[in-house]
C-alpha atoms as a PDB file:
ATOM      1  CA  MET A   1     154.276 142.349 331.498  1.00  0.00           C
ATOM      2  CA  ASP A   2     152.474 142.241 334.807  1.00  0.00           C
ATOM      3  CA  GLN A   3     149.019 143.510 333.872  1.00  0.00           C
ATOM      4  CA  LYS A   4     146.031 141.217 333.512  1.00  0.00           C
ATOM      5  CA  LEU A   5     144.754 140.701 329.973  1.00  0.00           C
ATOM      6  CA  LEU A   6     141.560 139.351 328.485  1.00  0.00           C
ATOM      7  CA  LEU A   7     141.866 138.336 324.827  1.00  0.00           C
ATOM      8  CA  VAL A   8     138.602 138.018 322.932  1.00  0.00           C
ATOM      9  CA  GLY A   9     139.166 135.949 319.800  1.00  0.00           C
ATOM     10  CA  CYS A  10     142.196 133.846 319.005  1.00  0.00           C
ATOM     11  CA  GLY A  11     142.500 133.684 315.238  1.00  0.00           C
ATOM     12  CA  LYS A  12     145.754 134.412 313.415  1.00  0.00           C
ATOM     13  CA  MET A  13     146.219 137.913 314.829  1.00  0.00           C
ATOM     14  CA  GLY A  14     145.002 136.918 318.267  1.00  0.00           C
ATOM     15  CA  GLN A  15     147.463 134.030 318.333  1.00  0.00           C
ATOM     16  CA  ALA A  16     150.278 136.341 317.222  1.00  0.00           C
ATOM     17  CA  LEU A  17     149.501 138.746 320.057  1.00  0.00           C
ATOM     18  CA  LEU A  18     149.172 135.981 322.632  1.00  0.00           C
ATOM     19  CA  SER A  19     152.434 134.367 321.560  1.00  0.00           C
ATOM     20  CA  GLY A  20     154.227 137.718 321.755  1.00  0.00           C
ATOM     21  CA  TRP A  21     152.851 138.497 325.200  1.00  0.00           C
ATOM     22  CA  LEU A  22     153.901 135.149 326.612  1.00  0.00           C
ATOM     23  CA  LYS A  23     157.394 135.537 325.141  1.00  0.00           C
ATOM     24  CA  ASP A  24     157.586 138.967 326.772  1.00  0.00           C
ATOM     25  CA  GLY A  25     156.963 137.427 330.165  1.00  0.00           C
ATOM     26  CA  LEU A  26     153.202 137.640 330.599  1.00  0.00           C
ATOM     27  CA  LEU A  27     152.293 135.193 333.355  1.00  0.00           C
ATOM     28  CA  GLU A  28     149.819 132.516 332.316  1.00  0.00           C
ATOM     29  CA  GLU A  29     147.668 133.235 335.356  1.00  0.00           C
ATOM     30  CA  ASN A  30     147.283 136.853 334.209  1.00  0.00           C
ATOM     31  CA  VAL A  31     145.694 136.095 330.848  1.00  0.00           C
ATOM     32  CA  ARG A  32     142.295 134.744 329.887  1.00  0.00           C
ATOM     33  CA  VAL A  33     141.216 133.878 326.348  1.00  0.00           C
ATOM     34  CA  VAL A  34     137.663 133.675 325.051  1.00  0.00           C
ATOM     35  CA  GLU A  35     137.537 131.639 321.845  1.00  0.00           C
ATOM     36  CA  PRO A  36     134.395 129.649 320.980  1.00  0.00           C
ATOM     37  CA  LEU A  37     136.283 127.578 318.393  1.00  0.00           C
ATOM     38  CA  ALA A  38     139.256 126.699 320.595  1.00  0.00           C
ATOM     39  CA  ASP A  39     140.343 123.077 320.168  1.00  0.00           C
ATOM     40  CA  ASN A  40     142.843 120.868 321.975  1.00  0.00           C
ATOM     41  CA  ASN A  41     145.649 121.813 319.570  1.00  0.00           C
ATOM     42  CA  LEU A  42     145.209 125.514 320.301  1.00  0.00           C
ATOM     43  CA  GLN A  43     145.046 124.988 324.043  1.00  0.00           C
ATOM     44  CA  SER A  44     148.079 122.698 324.101  1.00  0.00           C
ATOM     45  CA  ARG A  45     150.094 125.135 321.960  1.00  0.00           C
ATOM     46  CA  PHE A  46     149.739 127.876 324.547  1.00  0.00           C
ATOM     47  CA  ASN A  47     149.255 125.675 327.599  1.00  0.00           C
ATOM     48  CA  LEU A  48     146.330 127.854 328.648  1.00  0.00           C
ATOM     49  CA  ASN A  49     142.748 127.186 329.568  1.00  0.00           C
ATOM     50  CA  PHE A  50     140.531 128.760 326.927  1.00  0.00           C
ATOM     51  CA  VAL A  51     136.862 129.441 327.599  1.00  0.00           C
ATOM     52  CA  LYS A  52     134.036 129.337 325.091  1.00  0.00           C
ATOM     53  CA  SER A  53     132.170 132.426 326.306  1.00  0.00           C
ATOM     54  CA  VAL A  54     132.439 135.424 328.608  1.00  0.00           C
ATOM     55  CA  ASP A  55     129.997 133.755 330.991  1.00  0.00           C
ATOM     56  CA  SER A  56     132.621 131.112 331.766  1.00  0.00           C
ATOM     57  CA  LEU A  57     135.122 133.659 333.077  1.00  0.00           C
ATOM     58  CA  ASP A  58     135.913 133.919 336.764  1.00  0.00           C
ATOM     59  CA  PRO A  59     133.780 136.807 338.102  1.00  0.00           C
ATOM     60  CA  ASN A  60     136.762 137.889 340.214  1.00  0.00           C
ATOM     61  CA  PHE A  61     139.001 138.366 337.163  1.00  0.00           C
ATOM     62  CA  HIS A  62     139.437 142.098 336.544  1.00  0.00           C
ATOM     63  CA  PRO A  63     141.702 142.741 333.530  1.00  0.00           C
ATOM     64  CA  GLU A  64     143.593 145.948 332.816  1.00  0.00           C
ATOM     65  CA  PHE A  65     143.068 145.295 329.099  1.00  0.00           C
ATOM     66  CA  VAL A  66     140.248 143.704 327.124  1.00  0.00           C
ATOM     67  CA  VAL A  67     141.560 143.072 323.615  1.00  0.00           C
ATOM     68  CA  PHE A  68     139.043 142.494 320.821  1.00  0.00           C
ATOM     69  CA  ALA A  69     140.738 140.386 318.132  1.00  0.00           C
ATOM     70  CA  VAL A  70     137.587 139.388 316.274  1.00  0.00           C
ATOM     71  CA  LYS A  71     136.286 140.158 312.796  1.00  0.00           C
ATOM     72  CA  PRO A  72     134.568 143.537 312.329  1.00  0.00           C
ATOM     73  CA  GLN A  73     131.279 141.983 311.261  1.00  0.00           C
ATOM     74  CA  VAL A  74     130.752 140.267 314.631  1.00  0.00           C
ATOM     75  CA  MET A  75     131.620 143.272 316.807  1.00  0.00           C
ATOM     76  CA  ASP A  76     127.966 144.348 317.154  1.00  0.00           C
ATOM     77  CA  ASN A  77     127.174 141.120 318.963  1.00  0.00           C
ATOM     78  CA  ILE A  78     130.472 140.564 320.786  1.00  0.00           C
ATOM     79  CA  VAL A  79     131.399 143.917 322.338  1.00  0.00           C
ATOM     80  CA  PRO A  80     128.244 144.452 324.473  1.00  0.00           C
ATOM     81  CA  LEU A  81     128.900 141.120 326.205  1.00  0.00           C
ATOM     82  CA  TYR A  82     131.922 142.719 327.887  1.00  0.00           C
ATOM     83  CA  PHE A  83     130.113 145.729 329.327  1.00  0.00           C
ATOM     84  CA  ARG A  84     130.642 144.336 332.829  1.00  0.00           C
ATOM     85  CA  PHE A  85     134.353 145.130 332.556  1.00  0.00           C
ATOM     86  CA  VAL A  86     133.815 148.849 331.987  1.00  0.00           C
ATOM     87  CA  ARG A  87     135.790 150.891 334.525  1.00  0.00           C
ATOM     88  CA  LEU A  88     138.482 153.545 334.304  1.00  0.00           C
ATOM     89  CA  GLN A  89     141.139 150.949 335.159  1.00  0.00           C
ATOM     90  CA  THR A  90     140.276 148.757 332.150  1.00  0.00           C
ATOM     91  CA  VAL A  91     141.206 149.664 328.581  1.00  0.00           C
ATOM     92  CA  PHE A  92     139.266 148.201 325.662  1.00  0.00           C
ATOM     93  CA  LEU A  93     141.663 147.727 322.750  1.00  0.00           C
ATOM     94  CA  SER A  94     140.306 146.782 319.341  1.00  0.00           C
ATOM     95  CA  ILE A  95     142.158 145.594 316.256  1.00  0.00           C
ATOM     96  CA  ALA A  96     138.961 145.365 314.178  1.00  0.00           C
ATOM     97  CA  ALA A  97     139.300 147.277 310.906  1.00  0.00           C
ATOM     98  CA  GLY A  98     136.845 150.100 310.308  1.00  0.00           C
ATOM     99  CA  LYS A  99     135.464 150.222 313.849  1.00  0.00           C
ATOM    100  CA  SER A 100     135.931 153.664 315.397  1.00  0.00           C
ATOM    101  CA  THR A 101     136.255 154.612 319.043  1.00  0.00           C
ATOM    102  CA  LYS A 102     132.840 156.315 318.789  1.00  0.00           C
ATOM    103  CA  TYR A 103     131.398 153.020 317.615  1.00  0.00           C
ATOM    104  CA  LEU A 104     132.924 151.185 320.579  1.00  0.00           C
ATOM    105  CA  GLU A 105     131.721 153.892 322.957  1.00  0.00           C
ATOM    106  CA  SER A 106     128.181 153.393 321.637  1.00  0.00           C
ATOM    107  CA  LEU A 107     128.358 149.702 322.567  1.00  0.00           C
ATOM    108  CA  LEU A 108     130.067 150.230 325.922  1.00  0.00           C
ATOM    109  CA  THR A 109     129.926 153.752 327.323  1.00  0.00           C
ATOM    110  CA  LYS A 110     131.482 157.139 326.615  1.00  0.00           C
ATOM    111  CA  ASN A 111     133.378 156.779 329.886  1.00  0.00           C
ATOM    112  CA  ALA A 112     135.273 153.667 328.769  1.00  0.00           C
ATOM    113  CA  PRO A 113     139.000 153.968 327.970  1.00  0.00           C
ATOM    114  CA  ILE A 114     139.224 152.800 324.347  1.00  0.00           C
ATOM    115  CA  ILE A 115     142.103 152.267 321.932  1.00  0.00           C
ATOM    116  CA  ARG A 116     141.637 151.571 318.238  1.00  0.00           C
ATOM    117  CA  SER A 117     144.608 149.942 316.558  1.00  0.00           C
ATOM    118  CA  MET A 118     145.586 148.840 313.073  1.00  0.00           C
ATOM    119  CA  PRO A 119     148.164 146.035 313.002  1.00  0.00           C
ATOM    120  CA  ASN A 120     149.334 144.355 309.816  1.00  0.00           C
ATOM    121  CA  LEU A 121     149.993 140.801 308.703  1.00  0.00           C
ATOM    122  CA  PRO A 122     153.749 140.653 309.489  1.00  0.00           C
ATOM    123  CA  ALA A 123     152.727 140.822 313.146  1.00  0.00           C
ATOM    124  CA  ALA A 124     152.232 137.075 312.761  1.00  0.00           C
ATOM    125  CA  VAL A 125     156.032 136.717 312.602  1.00  0.00           C
ATOM    126  CA  GLY A 126     156.808 139.447 315.124  1.00  0.00           C
ATOM    127  CA  GLN A 127     157.683 142.045 312.479  1.00  0.00           C
ATOM    128  CA  GLY A 128     154.438 143.938 312.266  1.00  0.00           C
ATOM    129  CA  MET A 129     153.624 147.633 312.257  1.00  0.00           C
ATOM    130  CA  THR A 130     150.749 148.734 314.465  1.00  0.00           C
ATOM    131  CA  VAL A 131     149.360 152.255 314.619  1.00  0.00           C
ATOM    132  CA  ALA A 132     146.905 153.225 317.336  1.00  0.00           C
ATOM    133  CA  TYR A 133     144.558 155.999 318.430  1.00  0.00           C
ATOM    134  CA  LYS A 134     143.211 156.492 321.952  1.00  0.00           C
ATOM    135  CA  ASN A 135     140.153 158.291 323.228  1.00  0.00           C
ATOM    136  CA  SER A 136     140.404 160.900 325.989  1.00  0.00           C
ATOM    137  CA  ASN A 137     139.673 158.371 328.743  1.00  0.00           C
ATOM    138  CA  VAL A 138     142.982 156.544 328.269  1.00  0.00           C
ATOM    139  CA  SER A 139     145.625 157.703 330.756  1.00  0.00           C
ATOM    140  CA  LYS A 140     149.309 158.275 329.961  1.00  0.00           C
ATOM    141  CA  LYS A 141     150.237 155.143 331.895  1.00  0.00           C
ATOM    142  CA  GLN A 142     147.632 153.081 330.040  1.00  0.00           C
ATOM    143  CA  LYS A 143     148.990 154.351 326.722  1.00  0.00           C
ATOM    144  CA  VAL A 144     152.515 153.321 327.748  1.00  0.00           C
ATOM    145  CA  ASN A 145     151.285 149.860 328.758  1.00  0.00           C
ATOM    146  CA  ALA A 146     149.326 149.517 325.511  1.00  0.00           C
ATOM    147  CA  THR A 147     152.454 150.386 323.540  1.00  0.00           C
ATOM    148  CA  LYS A 148     154.403 147.674 325.355  1.00  0.00           C
ATOM    149  CA  MET A 149     151.638 145.172 324.618  1.00  0.00           C
ATOM    150  CA  LEU A 150     151.546 145.948 320.919  1.00  0.00           C
ATOM    151  CA  GLU A 151     155.346 145.948 320.654  1.00  0.00           C
ATOM    152  CA  ALA A 152     155.166 142.212 321.340  1.00  0.00           C
ATOM    153  CA  VAL A 153     154.403 141.767 317.619  1.00  0.00           C
ATOM    154  CA  GLY A 154     156.518 144.543 316.103  1.00  0.00           C
ATOM    155  CA  GLU A 155     156.777 148.318 316.058  1.00  0.00           C
ATOM    156  CA  VAL A 156     154.142 150.781 317.259  1.00  0.00           C
ATOM    157  CA  GLY A 157     153.136 154.315 316.334  1.00  0.00           C
ATOM    158  CA  TRP A 158     150.315 156.620 317.456  1.00  0.00           C
ATOM    159  CA  VAL A 159     148.157 159.181 315.667  1.00  0.00           C
ATOM    160  CA  LYS A 160     146.391 162.116 317.322  1.00  0.00           C
ATOM    161  CA  LYS A 161     143.561 162.215 314.777  1.00  0.00           C
ATOM    162  CA  GLU A 162     141.492 159.078 314.374  1.00  0.00           C
ATOM    163  CA  SER A 163     140.757 159.914 310.735  1.00  0.00           C
ATOM    164  CA  LEU A 164     144.423 159.185 309.970  1.00  0.00           C
ATOM    165  CA  ILE A 165     143.784 155.511 310.688  1.00  0.00           C
ATOM    166  CA  ASP A 166     142.316 155.329 307.180  1.00  0.00           C
ATOM    167  CA  CYS A 167     145.667 156.465 305.769  1.00  0.00           C
ATOM    168  CA  VAL A 168     147.479 153.989 308.012  1.00  0.00           C
ATOM    169  CA  THR A 169     145.208 151.230 306.740  1.00  0.00           C
ATOM    170  CA  ALA A 170     146.099 152.117 303.149  1.00  0.00           C
ATOM    171  CA  ILE A 171     149.861 152.179 303.834  1.00  0.00           C
ATOM    172  CA  SER A 172     150.827 149.615 306.460  1.00  0.00           C
ATOM    173  CA  GLY A 173     147.543 147.730 306.783  1.00  0.00           C
ATOM    174  CA  SER A 174     147.221 146.897 303.092  1.00  0.00           C
ATOM    175  CA  GLY A 175     150.896 147.527 302.339  1.00  0.00           C
ATOM    176  CA  PRO A 176     152.103 143.950 302.796  1.00  0.00           C
ATOM    177  CA  ALA A 177     149.907 142.955 299.845  1.00  0.00           C
ATOM    178  CA  TYR A 178     151.666 145.547 297.678  1.00  0.00           C
ATOM    179  CA  VAL A 179     155.047 144.109 298.654  1.00  0.00           C
ATOM    180  CA  PHE A 180     153.839 140.550 298.087  1.00  0.00           C
ATOM    181  CA  LEU A 181     152.708 141.602 294.606  1.00  0.00           C
ATOM    182  CA  LEU A 182     156.140 143.087 293.889  1.00  0.00           C
ATOM    183  CA  ILE A 183     157.796 139.828 294.946  1.00  0.00           C
ATOM    184  CA  GLU A 184     155.290 137.887 292.860  1.00  0.00           C
ATOM    185  CA  CYS A 185     156.017 140.007 289.761  1.00  0.00           C
ATOM    186  CA  LEU A 186     159.800 139.738 290.165  1.00  0.00           C
ATOM    187  CA  GLU A 187     159.491 135.985 290.593  1.00  0.00           C
ATOM    188  CA  LYS A 188     157.344 135.588 287.470  1.00  0.00           C
ATOM    189  CA  SER A 189     159.697 137.726 285.385  1.00  0.00           C
ATOM    190  CA  ALA A 190     162.692 135.707 286.561  1.00  0.00           C
ATOM    191  CA  ILE A 191     160.996 132.453 285.575  1.00  0.00           C
ATOM    192  CA  GLU A 192     160.017 133.841 282.164  1.00  0.00           C
ATOM    193  CA  LEU A 193     163.660 134.807 281.599  1.00  0.00           C
ATOM    194  CA  GLY A 194     164.795 131.250 282.272  1.00  0.00           C
ATOM    195  CA  LEU A 195     165.577 130.905 285.985  1.00  0.00           C
ATOM    196  CA  ASN A 196     164.265 127.868 287.842  1.00  0.00           C
ATOM    197  CA  PRO A 197     161.309 128.616 290.161  1.00  0.00           C
ATOM    198  CA  ASP A 198     163.201 128.068 293.421  1.00  0.00           C
ATOM    199  CA  LEU A 199     165.999 130.459 292.516  1.00  0.00           C
ATOM    200  CA  ALA A 200     163.511 132.940 291.066  1.00  0.00           C
ATOM    201  CA  ARG A 201     161.614 133.088 294.353  1.00  0.00           C
ATOM    202  CA  GLN A 202     164.817 133.319 296.378  1.00  0.00           C
ATOM    203  CA  LEU A 203     166.067 136.233 294.275  1.00  0.00           C
ATOM    204  CA  ALA A 204     162.771 138.098 294.614  1.00  0.00           C
ATOM    205  CA  ILE A 205     162.428 137.588 298.372  1.00  0.00           C
ATOM    206  CA  VAL A 206     166.031 138.326 299.321  1.00  0.00           C
ATOM    207  CA  THR A 207     166.194 141.366 297.045  1.00  0.00           C
ATOM    208  CA  VAL A 208     163.145 142.907 298.725  1.00  0.00           C
ATOM    209  CA  SER A 209     164.094 141.978 302.299  1.00  0.00           C
ATOM    210  CA  GLY A 210     167.733 142.983 301.783  1.00  0.00           C
ATOM    211  CA  SER A 211     166.794 146.338 300.299  1.00  0.00           C
ATOM    212  CA  SER A 212     164.402 146.982 303.185  1.00  0.00           C
ATOM    213  CA  GLY A 213     167.118 146.098 305.667  1.00  0.00           C
ATOM    214  CA  MET A 214     169.518 148.474 303.944  1.00  0.00           C
ATOM    215  CA  VAL A 215     167.040 151.355 304.195  1.00  0.00           C
ATOM    216  CA  ARG A 216     166.734 150.744 307.932  1.00  0.00           C
ATOM    217  CA  LYS A 217     170.455 150.535 308.609  1.00  0.00           C
ATOM    218  CA  THR A 218     171.695 153.490 306.590  1.00  0.00           C
ATOM    219  CA  SER A 219     171.206 157.205 307.152  1.00  0.00           C
ATOM    220  CA  GLU A 220     170.566 157.781 303.456  1.00  0.00           C
ATOM    221  CA  SER A 221     167.066 158.244 302.085  1.00  0.00           C
ATOM    222  CA  PRO A 222     165.446 155.665 299.789  1.00  0.00           C
ATOM    223  CA  GLU A 223     165.753 158.217 296.982  1.00  0.00           C
ATOM    224  CA  MET A 224     169.506 158.558 297.489  1.00  0.00           C
ATOM    225  CA  LEU A 225     169.968 154.790 297.717  1.00  0.00           C
ATOM    226  CA  ARG A 226     168.089 154.427 294.438  1.00  0.00           C
ATOM    227  CA  LYS A 227     170.309 157.020 292.778  1.00  0.00           C
ATOM    228  CA  ASN A 228     173.448 155.362 294.158  1.00  0.00           C
ATOM    229  CA  VAL A 229     172.600 152.037 292.536  1.00  0.00           C
ATOM    230  CA  THR A 230     171.629 153.633 289.214  1.00  0.00           C
ATOM    231  CA  SER A 231     174.633 153.938 286.900  1.00  0.00           C
ATOM    232  CA  PRO A 232     174.218 156.217 283.853  1.00  0.00           C
ATOM    233  CA  GLY A 233     173.451 154.116 280.811  1.00  0.00           C
ATOM    234  CA  GLY A 234     173.277 150.933 282.872  1.00  0.00           C
ATOM    235  CA  THR A 235     170.699 148.190 283.357  1.00  0.00           C
ATOM    236  CA  THR A 236     169.064 149.764 286.415  1.00  0.00           C
ATOM    237  CA  GLU A 237     168.580 153.055 284.595  1.00  0.00           C
ATOM    238  CA  ALA A 238     166.927 151.208 281.710  1.00  0.00           C
ATOM    239  CA  ALA A 239     164.474 149.580 284.114  1.00  0.00           C
ATOM    240  CA  LEU A 240     163.754 152.786 286.024  1.00  0.00           C
ATOM    241  CA  GLU A 241     162.962 154.654 282.812  1.00  0.00           C
ATOM    242  CA  VAL A 242     160.047 152.252 282.463  1.00  0.00           C
ATOM    243  CA  LEU A 243     159.013 152.283 286.132  1.00  0.00           C
ATOM    244  CA  MET A 244     159.294 156.057 286.476  1.00  0.00           C
ATOM    245  CA  GLY A 245     157.742 157.018 283.156  1.00  0.00           C
ATOM    246  CA  SER A 246     154.311 158.575 282.723  1.00  0.00           C
ATOM    247  CA  ASP A 247     151.680 156.450 284.470  1.00  0.00           C
ATOM    248  CA  GLY A 248     154.575 154.619 286.102  1.00  0.00           C
ATOM    249  CA  LEU A 249     155.011 153.028 289.497  1.00  0.00           C
ATOM    250  CA  GLU A 250     154.720 156.229 291.546  1.00  0.00           C
ATOM    251  CA  GLU A 251     151.379 157.130 289.993  1.00  0.00           C
ATOM    252  CA  LEU A 252     150.101 153.564 290.334  1.00  0.00           C
ATOM    253  CA  ILE A 253     151.062 153.310 293.996  1.00  0.00           C
ATOM    254  CA  ASN A 254     149.537 156.694 294.782  1.00  0.00           C
ATOM    255  CA  ALA A 255     146.292 155.703 293.064  1.00  0.00           C
ATOM    256  CA  ALA A 256     146.268 152.366 294.890  1.00  0.00           C
ATOM    257  CA  VAL A 257     146.792 154.012 298.289  1.00  0.00           C
ATOM    258  CA  ILE A 258     144.012 156.527 297.630  1.00  0.00           C
ATOM    259  CA  ALA A 259     141.663 153.704 296.608  1.00  0.00           C
ATOM    260  CA  ALA A 260     142.471 151.793 299.793  1.00  0.00           C
ATOM    261  CA  GLU A 261     142.016 154.892 301.967  1.00  0.00           C
ATOM    262  CA  ASN A 262     138.644 155.658 300.365  1.00  0.00           C
ATOM    263  CA  ARG A 263     137.504 152.092 300.896  1.00  0.00           C
ATOM    264  CA  SER A 264     138.587 152.231 304.540  1.00  0.00           C
ATOM    265  CA  ARG A 265     136.409 155.309 305.037  1.00  0.00           C
ATOM    266  CA  GLU A 266     133.465 153.618 303.346  1.00  0.00           C
ATOM    267  CA  LEU A 267     133.749 150.588 305.617  1.00  0.00           C
ATOM    268  CA  ALA A 268     133.785 152.831 308.689  1.00  0.00           C
ATOM    269  CA  GLU A 269     130.498 154.514 307.745  1.00  0.00           C
END
């Protein structure tokens, strides 16, 4: 990575991005970080000089990307402070949930290249899924560079309609919580059936991660894999009759995703 980056906010997601960029070869002299709450531990971890505000930045620093990694509720006050960086050569990339490109344009200008992205929590361990949408001011080259940046914390996909970000939020944005709940339920059931807590957790975690890995490495669909492991009259079939019955898991997940998508739309209004 040879472009210059300005990271605004260095919480959990900001730290994940910064760590990924540095591992991918981003030169320390090409990155600046604005974090009002930066302490010595944070600065020593990354061996970078953090600044408390945009006013402390070198006026000769002209980044190719300004990345907003702050909470949505502070965007109204934070984004306008970076108006001075508006130019066709600088992309403003936001990971703030519920904040549209139109919203960012209203705080900057309609001429600003803007990318809205939705990462998820596993980005913190380099296994995230980020989906992004760009406005018409973002060039093909800038999109390619943005993809490389976001790939530092996992896989990346793009949507052509910004409204689909609400669906993305409901699937991959909130999705880790669904998986965590599944692991939690398996663990609790294992303990109730007599397994010790450590083994119960191990079984739940490895079963989920192993099954996910199998889906990725085989050409068979999840449906076919499920059928392959389900022997007629066996234990798996007995369990699936419960999970796939009326008002079963499929209906629950669909209802949950719809609820999350609706809430995402409400937050964007």
